[in-house]
Amino acid sequence: MRPGDITAAGAGLLSCLTCGLLSQPASHEEDANACPRCGRRLHVRKPHSLLRSWTFLVAAMVLYLPANLLPIMDTESLIMGSHSDTIMSGIVLLWKSGSWGIAIIVFIASIMVPMLKMLAMLVILVAVHQGVSTHCHDLARLYRILEIIGRWSMLDVFVVAILVTLVQLQLLAAITPAKGALAFGAVVVLTMLSTMSFDPRLIWDSAEHARRRPHG
């Protein structure tokens, strides 16, 4: 955003996040305005956006550890008996069996992507929280990437399901999900909720506040 650009909030207008219509607020009360076209509740910014994003993100980061440390599946096999596998041990099993490509895909989708999504969201939230006024375009671009990835969030769970199926086929075993699977699914959902709760307009608000701040 360039200095002097007028925002909807600056012009006293409310923007609908559903249909994009700009409208004059009918009431001074925050929760009393609705979009005249689609009826969605209107706010200058998403209510408690930072608090919700932080809460979901911290919960996802906490659950990321049990998601990777706890067994994600329990295996019953006539050949190998009973044992439990984490995501990483399943990847190692695929790698040792010669399924290198699938092992790499599972590693990227189930370990790298969730971790990078959380780190990216952490960078955005810290930047907005501290009122960073530079690199706004980079932060906005990073958020758009997170939104695109978010549409494929359940791919992580899908890939782990493939992992379970492949291990099951290779060992001719019966497999049941373990506690790690629940934690992993929660990480995916919480990360998605953190991204959805964040209002990207806050990035530009920080830059605008910094521009108006008197220089000492």
Foldseek 3Di string as FASTA:
>chain_A
DDPPDADLVNVQWWADPPPGDTDHAPDPDQQPGADPPPGHGTHNFQPPLLVLLVVLLVLLVVLLVLLQVPFFKWKAFPVPGIDTHHLLRLLVVCVVVPVPVLSVVLCCLQPVVLVVLSVLLVVLSVCLVVLPQPPLVVNVVSLVVSVVVLVVLCVNVVSVVVSVVVVCVVRVIDMDTDPSSVSSVSSSVSSSSSSVSHTSVSSNVSNVVVVPDDDD
